[in-house]
Amino acid sequence: MTATAADGLLLDGRPPVGTARLDAGQGPPERARAGQGGRRFAVPRREGLRALRAHGPESGRFRAAPRTVRRPEGPAARTTGTFTPYPDTRVVRGADADGHHRGRGPGGEPAFTPGGRACPFPPPGNTLAVPVRAGEGNLAEG
């Protein structure tokens, strides 16, 4: 990134001077190093290439998008689980919303026991053996 204070950008909370390298990172938008006003700029890595993603929670399009209403968590939804790290690095390919198949680098496998039945994740055939109450059908207009 090359910018001056006159550009109105912030890098690590301060106006940048000169050139800085924005490495691809993970995490929520609010942890992105670069921003401008209420927007945050993240640098994800896709298919070996870097991209620039702008997150603008105050933008009109974002605010107008339908939201999923989060249901309160109930005690019956809680369960214990384990995480088993992989001994090596792996790439698992899967389709994204845009239809492209991309590789992911999972670090291991979580497993949990809802209702007393063991459930590995991801499950065989990518189908859970137990019902999961989801909120996708419960949208609230923004």
N, C-alpha and C. Protein backbone atom coordinates (compact mmCIF):
# COMPACT_ATOMS: atom_id res chain seq x y z
N MET A 1 0.85 -1.15 0.00
CA MET A 1 0.00 0.00 0.00
C MET A 1 0.91 1.22 0.00
N THR A 2 0.63 2.15 -0.88
CA THR A 2 1.34 3.42 -0.91
C THR A 2 0.32 4.52 -0.71
N ALA A 3 0.50 5.32 0.32
CA ALA A 3 -0.47 6.37 0.62
C ALA A 3 0.18 7.47 1.45
N THR A 4 -0.51 8.59 1.51
CA THR A 4 -0.11 9.69 2.38
C THR A 4 -1.29 10.03 3.28
N ALA A 5 -1.08 10.88 4.25
CA ALA A 5 -2.15 11.29 5.16
C ALA A 5 -3.30 11.93 4.40
N ALA A 6 -3.01 12.60 3.28
CA ALA A 6 -4.05 13.27 2.49
C ALA A 6 -5.04 12.29 1.86
N ASP A 7 -4.66 11.01 1.74
CA ASP A 7 -5.55 10.01 1.16
C ASP A 7 -6.68 9.61 2.11
N GLY A 8 -6.55 9.95 3.37
CA GLY A 8 -7.59 9.61 4.34
C GLY A 8 -7.58 8.17 4.81
N LEU A 9 -6.54 7.43 4.48
CA LEU A 9 -6.43 6.04 4.91
C LEU A 9 -5.75 5.96 6.27
N LEU A 10 -6.01 4.87 6.97
CA LEU A 10 -5.31 4.59 8.21
C LEU A 10 -4.65 3.22 8.09
N LEU A 11 -3.48 3.11 8.67
CA LEU A 11 -2.76 1.85 8.74
C LEU A 11 -2.38 1.65 10.19
N ASP A 12 -2.88 0.59 10.78
CA ASP A 12 -2.65 0.33 12.21
C ASP A 12 -3.10 1.52 13.05
N GLY A 13 -4.19 2.17 12.62
CA GLY A 13 -4.78 3.28 13.38
C GLY A 13 -4.15 4.64 13.16
N ARG A 14 -3.13 4.72 12.29
CA ARG A 14 -2.46 6.01 12.05
C ARG A 14 -2.38 6.28 10.55
N PRO A 15 -2.31 7.55 10.16
CA PRO A 15 -2.12 7.85 8.73
C PRO A 15 -0.79 7.26 8.26
N PRO A 16 -0.79 6.58 7.11
CA PRO A 16 0.45 5.98 6.62
C PRO A 16 1.35 7.02 5.98
N VAL A 17 2.62 6.73 5.98
CA VAL A 17 3.60 7.57 5.30
C VAL A 17 4.43 6.64 4.44
N GLY A 18 4.34 6.80 3.12
CA GLY A 18 5.14 5.97 2.23
C GLY A 18 4.45 4.68 1.86
N THR A 19 5.23 3.59 1.85
CA THR A 19 4.74 2.30 1.39
C THR A 19 4.78 1.29 2.53
N ALA A 20 3.73 0.48 2.62
CA ALA A 20 3.66 -0.59 3.63
C ALA A 20 3.13 -1.84 2.96
N ARG A 21 3.58 -2.99 3.41
CA ARG A 21 3.12 -4.27 2.86
C ARG A 21 1.96 -4.78 3.71
N LEU A 22 0.86 -5.09 3.05
CA LEU A 22 -0.29 -5.69 3.71
C LEU A 22 -0.28 -7.18 3.39
N ASP A 23 0.07 -7.99 4.34
CA ASP A 23 0.10 -9.43 4.13
C ASP A 23 -1.30 -10.01 4.22
N ALA A 24 -1.51 -11.13 3.54
CA ALA A 24 -2.79 -11.81 3.63
C ALA A 24 -2.99 -12.27 5.07
N GLY A 25 -4.17 -12.03 5.58
CA GLY A 25 -4.43 -12.38 6.97
C GLY A 25 -5.80 -13.01 7.15
N GLN A 26 -6.00 -13.57 8.30
CA GLN A 26 -7.26 -14.18 8.68
C GLN A 26 -7.85 -13.36 9.81
N GLY A 27 -9.11 -13.57 10.06
CA GLY A 27 -9.73 -12.89 11.19
C GLY A 27 -10.84 -11.96 10.77
N PRO A 28 -11.51 -11.39 11.75
CA PRO A 28 -12.64 -10.51 11.45
C PRO A 28 -12.19 -9.19 10.84
N PRO A 29 -13.10 -8.52 10.10
CA PRO A 29 -12.73 -7.26 9.43
C PRO A 29 -12.20 -6.21 10.40
N GLU A 30 -12.71 -6.16 11.61
CA GLU A 30 -12.25 -5.11 12.54
C GLU A 30 -10.78 -5.27 12.92
N ARG A 31 -10.18 -6.43 12.62
CA ARG A 31 -8.75 -6.60 12.89
C ARG A 31 -7.88 -6.30 11.67
N ALA A 32 -8.51 -5.91 10.56
CA ALA A 32 -7.74 -5.57 9.36
C ALA A 32 -6.87 -4.35 9.65
N ARG A 33 -5.66 -4.33 9.13
CA ARG A 33 -4.72 -3.25 9.43
C ARG A 33 -5.07 -1.94 8.76
N ALA A 34 -5.71 -1.98 7.59
CA ALA A 34 -5.98 -0.76 6.83
C ALA A 34 -7.46 -0.42 6.85
N GLY A 35 -7.74 0.89 6.84
CA GLY A 35 -9.13 1.32 6.83
C GLY A 35 -9.27 2.75 6.38
N GLN A 36 -10.52 3.15 6.18
CA GLN A 36 -10.82 4.53 5.79
C GLN A 36 -12.24 4.80 6.27
N GLY A 37 -12.40 5.77 7.15
CA GLY A 37 -13.72 6.01 7.73
C GLY A 37 -14.17 4.76 8.47
N GLY A 38 -15.38 4.31 8.21
CA GLY A 38 -15.89 3.09 8.84
C GLY A 38 -15.55 1.83 8.08
N ARG A 39 -14.86 1.94 6.94
CA ARG A 39 -14.52 0.75 6.15
C ARG A 39 -13.20 0.15 6.60
N ARG A 40 -13.12 -1.17 6.49
CA ARG A 40 -11.88 -1.89 6.77
C ARG A 40 -11.50 -2.66 5.51
N PHE A 41 -10.21 -2.74 5.23
CA PHE A 41 -9.71 -3.42 4.03
C PHE A 41 -8.92 -4.65 4.45
N ALA A 42 -9.45 -5.81 4.09
CA ALA A 42 -8.78 -7.07 4.41
C ALA A 42 -8.08 -7.59 3.15
N VAL A 43 -7.05 -8.38 3.36
CA VAL A 43 -6.29 -8.96 2.25
C VAL A 43 -6.37 -10.48 2.37
N PRO A 44 -7.43 -11.09 1.81
CA PRO A 44 -7.51 -12.56 1.85
C PRO A 44 -6.66 -13.17 0.74
N ARG A 45 -6.34 -14.43 0.91
CA ARG A 45 -5.60 -15.17 -0.12
C ARG A 45 -6.58 -16.18 -0.73
N ARG A 46 -6.72 -16.12 -2.05
CA ARG A 46 -7.60 -17.03 -2.77
C ARG A 46 -6.82 -17.67 -3.91
N GLU A 47 -6.81 -18.99 -3.93
CA GLU A 47 -6.16 -19.74 -5.00
C GLU A 47 -4.73 -19.28 -5.22
N GLY A 48 -4.02 -19.00 -4.12
CA GLY A 48 -2.63 -18.59 -4.19
C GLY A 48 -2.41 -17.13 -4.51
N LEU A 49 -3.48 -16.36 -4.73
CA LEU A 49 -3.36 -14.95 -5.05
C LEU A 49 -3.97 -14.11 -3.93
N ARG A 50 -3.47 -12.88 -3.80
CA ARG A 50 -4.04 -11.96 -2.81
C ARG A 50 -5.17 -11.17 -3.46
N ALA A 51 -6.14 -10.81 -2.65
CA ALA A 51 -7.26 -9.99 -3.10
C ALA A 51 -7.43 -8.86 -2.09
N LEU A 52 -8.21 -7.87 -2.43
CA LEU A 52 -8.53 -6.80 -1.50
C LEU A 52 -10.03 -6.81 -1.28
N ARG A 53 -10.45 -6.97 -0.04
CA ARG A 53 -11.87 -7.01 0.28
C ARG A 53 -12.19 -5.83 1.18
N ALA A 54 -13.15 -5.01 0.75
CA ALA A 54 -13.58 -3.85 1.54
C ALA A 54 -14.81 -4.23 2.35
N HIS A 55 -14.75 -4.00 3.65
CA HIS A 55 -15.88 -4.25 4.55
C HIS A 55 -16.41 -2.89 4.99
N GLY A 56 -17.65 -2.60 4.65
CA GLY A 56 -18.27 -1.32 5.01
C GLY A 56 -19.58 -1.53 5.73
N PRO A 57 -19.56 -1.79 7.04
CA PRO A 57 -20.79 -2.11 7.75
C PRO A 57 -21.81 -0.98 7.75
N GLU A 58 -21.40 0.25 7.45
CA GLU A 58 -22.34 1.37 7.43
C GLU A 58 -22.83 1.68 6.02
N SER A 59 -22.40 0.90 5.03
CA SER A 59 -22.83 1.18 3.66
C SER A 59 -24.32 0.88 3.51
N GLY A 60 -24.96 1.59 2.61
CA GLY A 60 -26.39 1.39 2.37
C GLY A 60 -26.72 -0.02 1.92
N ARG A 61 -25.91 -0.58 1.04
CA ARG A 61 -26.16 -1.95 0.55
C ARG A 61 -26.04 -2.95 1.68
N PHE A 62 -25.06 -2.79 2.54
CA PHE A 62 -24.88 -3.71 3.65
C PHE A 62 -26.06 -3.61 4.62
N ARG A 63 -26.45 -2.38 4.94
CA ARG A 63 -27.54 -2.18 5.90
C ARG A 63 -28.87 -2.64 5.35
N ALA A 64 -29.06 -2.60 4.01
CA ALA A 64 -30.32 -3.01 3.40
C ALA A 64 -30.42 -4.53 3.21
N ALA A 65 -29.31 -5.23 3.33
CA ALA A 65 -29.32 -6.68 3.11
C ALA A 65 -30.10 -7.37 4.23
N PRO A 66 -30.85 -8.43 3.89
CA PRO A 66 -31.57 -9.14 4.94
C PRO A 66 -30.61 -9.78 5.93
N ARG A 67 -31.03 -9.87 7.14
CA ARG A 67 -30.20 -10.44 8.21
C ARG A 67 -30.83 -11.73 8.73
N THR A 68 -30.00 -12.63 9.17
CA THR A 68 -30.49 -13.81 9.84
C THR A 68 -30.68 -13.47 11.30
N VAL A 69 -31.85 -13.76 11.81
CA VAL A 69 -32.12 -13.51 13.22
C VAL A 69 -31.48 -14.63 14.02
N ARG A 70 -30.66 -14.28 14.96
CA ARG A 70 -29.99 -15.29 15.79
C ARG A 70 -30.92 -15.69 16.92
N ARG A 71 -31.14 -16.98 17.01
CA ARG A 71 -31.97 -17.48 18.09
C ARG A 71 -31.14 -17.57 19.36
N PRO A 72 -31.79 -17.38 20.51
CA PRO A 72 -31.03 -17.53 21.76
C PRO A 72 -30.52 -18.96 21.90
N GLU A 73 -29.35 -19.08 22.46
CA GLU A 73 -28.77 -20.40 22.67
C GLU A 73 -29.47 -21.08 23.83
N GLY A 74 -29.90 -22.30 23.62
CA GLY A 74 -30.54 -23.06 24.69
C GLY A 74 -29.61 -24.12 25.23
N PRO A 75 -29.81 -24.53 26.47
CA PRO A 75 -28.95 -25.56 27.06
C PRO A 75 -28.93 -26.85 26.25
N ALA A 76 -30.03 -27.19 25.57
CA ALA A 76 -30.07 -28.42 24.79
C ALA A 76 -29.14 -28.35 23.58
N ALA A 77 -28.79 -27.15 23.14
CA ALA A 77 -27.91 -26.99 21.98
C ALA A 77 -26.44 -27.15 22.35
N ARG A 78 -26.14 -27.14 23.61
CA ARG A 78 -24.74 -27.25 24.05
C ARG A 78 -24.29 -28.70 24.07
N THR A 79 -23.06 -28.91 23.66
CA THR A 79 -22.50 -30.25 23.67
C THR A 79 -20.99 -30.14 23.83
N THR A 80 -20.36 -31.21 24.21
CA THR A 80 -18.91 -31.21 24.32
C THR A 80 -18.33 -31.79 23.03
N GLY A 81 -17.08 -31.51 22.82
CA GLY A 81 -16.43 -32.01 21.62
C GLY A 81 -14.93 -32.10 21.80
N THR A 82 -14.28 -32.62 20.80
CA THR A 82 -12.82 -32.72 20.79
C THR A 82 -12.30 -32.21 19.45
N PHE A 83 -11.05 -31.82 19.43
CA PHE A 83 -10.39 -31.40 18.21
C PHE A 83 -9.13 -32.23 18.07
N THR A 84 -8.99 -32.94 16.96
CA THR A 84 -7.81 -33.75 16.70
C THR A 84 -7.02 -33.11 15.57
N PRO A 85 -5.83 -32.56 15.88
CA PRO A 85 -5.04 -31.92 14.82
C PRO A 85 -4.52 -32.94 13.82
N TYR A 86 -4.42 -32.53 12.57
CA TYR A 86 -3.82 -33.38 11.56
C TYR A 86 -2.31 -33.40 11.78
N PRO A 87 -1.65 -34.54 11.55
CA PRO A 87 -0.19 -34.59 11.73
C PRO A 87 0.55 -33.91 10.58
N ASP A 88 -0.16 -33.62 9.49
CA ASP A 88 0.49 -33.02 8.33
C ASP A 88 -0.42 -31.93 7.76
N THR A 89 0.08 -31.22 6.76
CA THR A 89 -0.70 -30.18 6.10
C THR A 89 -1.55 -30.82 5.00
N ARG A 90 -2.81 -30.43 4.92
CA ARG A 90 -3.70 -30.95 3.88
C ARG A 90 -4.45 -29.82 3.22
N VAL A 91 -4.92 -30.10 2.04
CA VAL A 91 -5.78 -29.17 1.33
C VAL A 91 -7.07 -29.91 1.00
N VAL A 92 -8.18 -29.33 1.38
CA VAL A 92 -9.50 -29.89 1.08
C VAL A 92 -10.18 -28.91 0.13
N ARG A 93 -10.62 -29.41 -1.03
CA ARG A 93 -11.25 -28.54 -2.02
C ARG A 93 -12.76 -28.60 -1.86
N GLY A 94 -13.39 -27.44 -2.04
CA GLY A 94 -14.84 -27.37 -1.96
C GLY A 94 -15.33 -26.14 -2.71
N ALA A 95 -16.61 -26.16 -3.07
CA ALA A 95 -17.20 -25.06 -3.83
C ALA A 95 -17.56 -23.90 -2.92
N ASP A 96 -17.26 -22.70 -3.37
CA ASP A 96 -17.68 -21.48 -2.68
C ASP A 96 -19.00 -21.00 -3.28
N ALA A 97 -19.55 -19.94 -2.72
CA ALA A 97 -20.82 -19.40 -3.19
C ALA A 97 -20.74 -18.96 -4.65
N ASP A 98 -19.55 -18.59 -5.12
CA ASP A 98 -19.43 -18.14 -6.52
C ASP A 98 -19.25 -19.31 -7.49
N GLY A 99 -19.28 -20.54 -6.99
CA GLY A 99 -19.17 -21.71 -7.84
C GLY A 99 -17.76 -22.20 -8.07
N HIS A 100 -16.75 -21.42 -7.70
CA HIS A 100 -15.37 -21.85 -7.86
C HIS A 100 -15.02 -22.86 -6.77
N HIS A 101 -14.24 -23.86 -7.14
CA HIS A 101 -13.74 -24.82 -6.15
C HIS A 101 -12.40 -24.32 -5.66
N ARG A 102 -12.29 -24.16 -4.35
CA ARG A 102 -11.06 -23.63 -3.77
C ARG A 102 -10.56 -24.59 -2.70
N GLY A 103 -9.27 -24.51 -2.47
CA GLY A 103 -8.67 -25.34 -1.44
C GLY A 103 -8.68 -24.66 -0.09
N ARG A 104 -8.91 -25.41 0.93
CA ARG A 104 -8.83 -24.94 2.31
C ARG A 104 -7.75 -25.75 3.01
N GLY A 105 -7.15 -25.16 4.00
CA GLY A 105 -6.12 -25.85 4.75
C GLY A 105 -6.55 -26.10 6.18
N PRO A 106 -7.44 -27.08 6.41
CA PRO A 106 -7.90 -27.32 7.78
C PRO A 106 -6.76 -27.84 8.66
N GLY A 107 -6.80 -27.48 9.91
CA GLY A 107 -5.76 -27.90 10.84
C GLY A 107 -6.06 -29.20 11.55
N GLY A 108 -7.28 -29.70 11.42
CA GLY A 108 -7.65 -30.92 12.11
C GLY A 108 -9.14 -31.17 11.98
N GLU A 109 -9.64 -32.10 12.81
CA GLU A 109 -11.04 -32.47 12.75
C GLU A 109 -11.71 -32.28 14.11
N PRO A 110 -12.79 -31.49 14.14
CA PRO A 110 -13.59 -31.43 15.36
C PRO A 110 -14.58 -32.59 15.36
N ALA A 111 -14.93 -33.08 16.52
CA ALA A 111 -15.96 -34.11 16.67
C ALA A 111 -16.76 -33.75 17.91
N PHE A 112 -18.05 -34.00 17.87
CA PHE A 112 -18.89 -33.68 19.01
C PHE A 112 -19.94 -34.77 19.18
N THR A 113 -20.63 -34.74 20.30
CA THR A 113 -21.58 -35.80 20.65
C THR A 113 -22.93 -35.21 21.00
N PRO A 114 -23.72 -34.79 20.00
CA PRO A 114 -25.06 -34.27 20.31
C PRO A 114 -26.03 -35.41 20.59
N GLY A 115 -26.79 -35.29 21.64
CA GLY A 115 -27.78 -36.31 21.97
C GLY A 115 -27.18 -37.68 22.20
N GLY A 116 -25.91 -37.75 22.60
CA GLY A 116 -25.27 -39.03 22.89
C GLY A 116 -24.78 -39.78 21.67
N ARG A 117 -24.88 -39.19 20.46
CA ARG A 117 -24.41 -39.86 19.25
C ARG A 117 -23.19 -39.14 18.72
N ALA A 118 -22.10 -39.87 18.52
CA ALA A 118 -20.87 -39.26 18.01
C ALA A 118 -21.11 -38.71 16.61
N CYS A 119 -20.55 -37.54 16.36
CA CYS A 119 -20.75 -36.89 15.07
C CYS A 119 -19.43 -36.26 14.62
N PRO A 120 -18.72 -36.90 13.69
CA PRO A 120 -17.49 -36.28 13.18
C PRO A 120 -17.85 -35.10 12.29
N PHE A 121 -16.93 -34.18 12.17
CA PHE A 121 -17.19 -33.02 11.32
C PHE A 121 -15.98 -32.77 10.44
N PRO A 122 -16.05 -32.67 9.15
CA PRO A 122 -17.30 -32.79 8.41
C PRO A 122 -17.76 -34.24 8.37
N PRO A 123 -19.07 -34.46 8.42
CA PRO A 123 -19.59 -35.82 8.43
C PRO A 123 -19.53 -36.45 7.04
N PRO A 124 -19.62 -37.78 6.98
CA PRO A 124 -19.63 -38.45 5.67
C PRO A 124 -20.78 -37.91 4.82
N GLY A 125 -20.49 -37.61 3.58
CA GLY A 125 -21.51 -37.06 2.69
C GLY A 125 -21.90 -35.64 3.04
N ASN A 126 -21.17 -35.02 3.96
CA ASN A 126 -21.43 -33.65 4.41
C ASN A 126 -22.86 -33.50 4.95
N THR A 127 -23.38 -34.56 5.58
CA THR A 127 -24.72 -34.55 6.15
C THR A 127 -24.64 -34.98 7.61
N LEU A 128 -25.14 -34.14 8.49
CA LEU A 128 -25.14 -34.48 9.91
C LEU A 128 -26.19 -35.56 10.18
N ALA A 129 -25.91 -36.43 11.13
CA ALA A 129 -26.83 -37.51 11.49
C ALA A 129 -27.87 -37.06 12.51
N VAL A 130 -27.81 -35.81 12.90
CA VAL A 130 -28.76 -35.29 13.89
C VAL A 130 -29.41 -34.03 13.32
N PRO A 131 -30.65 -33.74 13.73
CA PRO A 131 -31.27 -32.52 13.24
C PRO A 131 -30.61 -31.29 13.85
N VAL A 132 -30.45 -30.24 13.05
CA VAL A 132 -29.88 -28.99 13.52
C VAL A 132 -30.88 -27.89 13.23
N ARG A 133 -31.30 -27.20 14.26
CA ARG A 133 -32.25 -26.10 14.09
C ARG A 133 -31.45 -24.89 13.62
N ALA A 134 -31.68 -24.48 12.39
CA ALA A 134 -30.92 -23.37 11.81
C ALA A 134 -31.82 -22.17 11.61
N GLY A 135 -31.20 -21.01 11.46
CA GLY A 135 -31.97 -19.78 11.33
C GLY A 135 -32.03 -19.21 9.93
N GLU A 136 -31.57 -19.96 8.91
CA GLU A 136 -31.53 -19.40 7.57
C GLU A 136 -32.90 -18.95 7.08
N GLY A 137 -33.95 -19.63 7.47
CA GLY A 137 -35.27 -19.27 7.00
C GLY A 137 -35.91 -18.15 7.79
N ASN A 138 -35.20 -17.62 8.74
CA ASN A 138 -35.76 -16.61 9.64
C ASN A 138 -35.05 -15.29 9.39
N LEU A 139 -35.35 -14.63 8.26
CA LEU A 139 -34.66 -13.40 7.90
C LEU A 139 -35.45 -12.19 8.38
N ALA A 140 -34.72 -11.17 8.78
CA ALA A 140 -35.33 -9.90 9.16
C ALA A 140 -34.82 -8.85 8.18
N GLU A 141 -35.70 -8.09 7.59
CA GLU A 141 -35.28 -7.06 6.64
C GLU A 141 -34.55 -5.96 7.38
N GLY A 142 -33.40 -5.52 6.79
CA GLY A 142 -32.50 -4.60 7.44
C GLY A 142 -32.91 -3.20 7.42
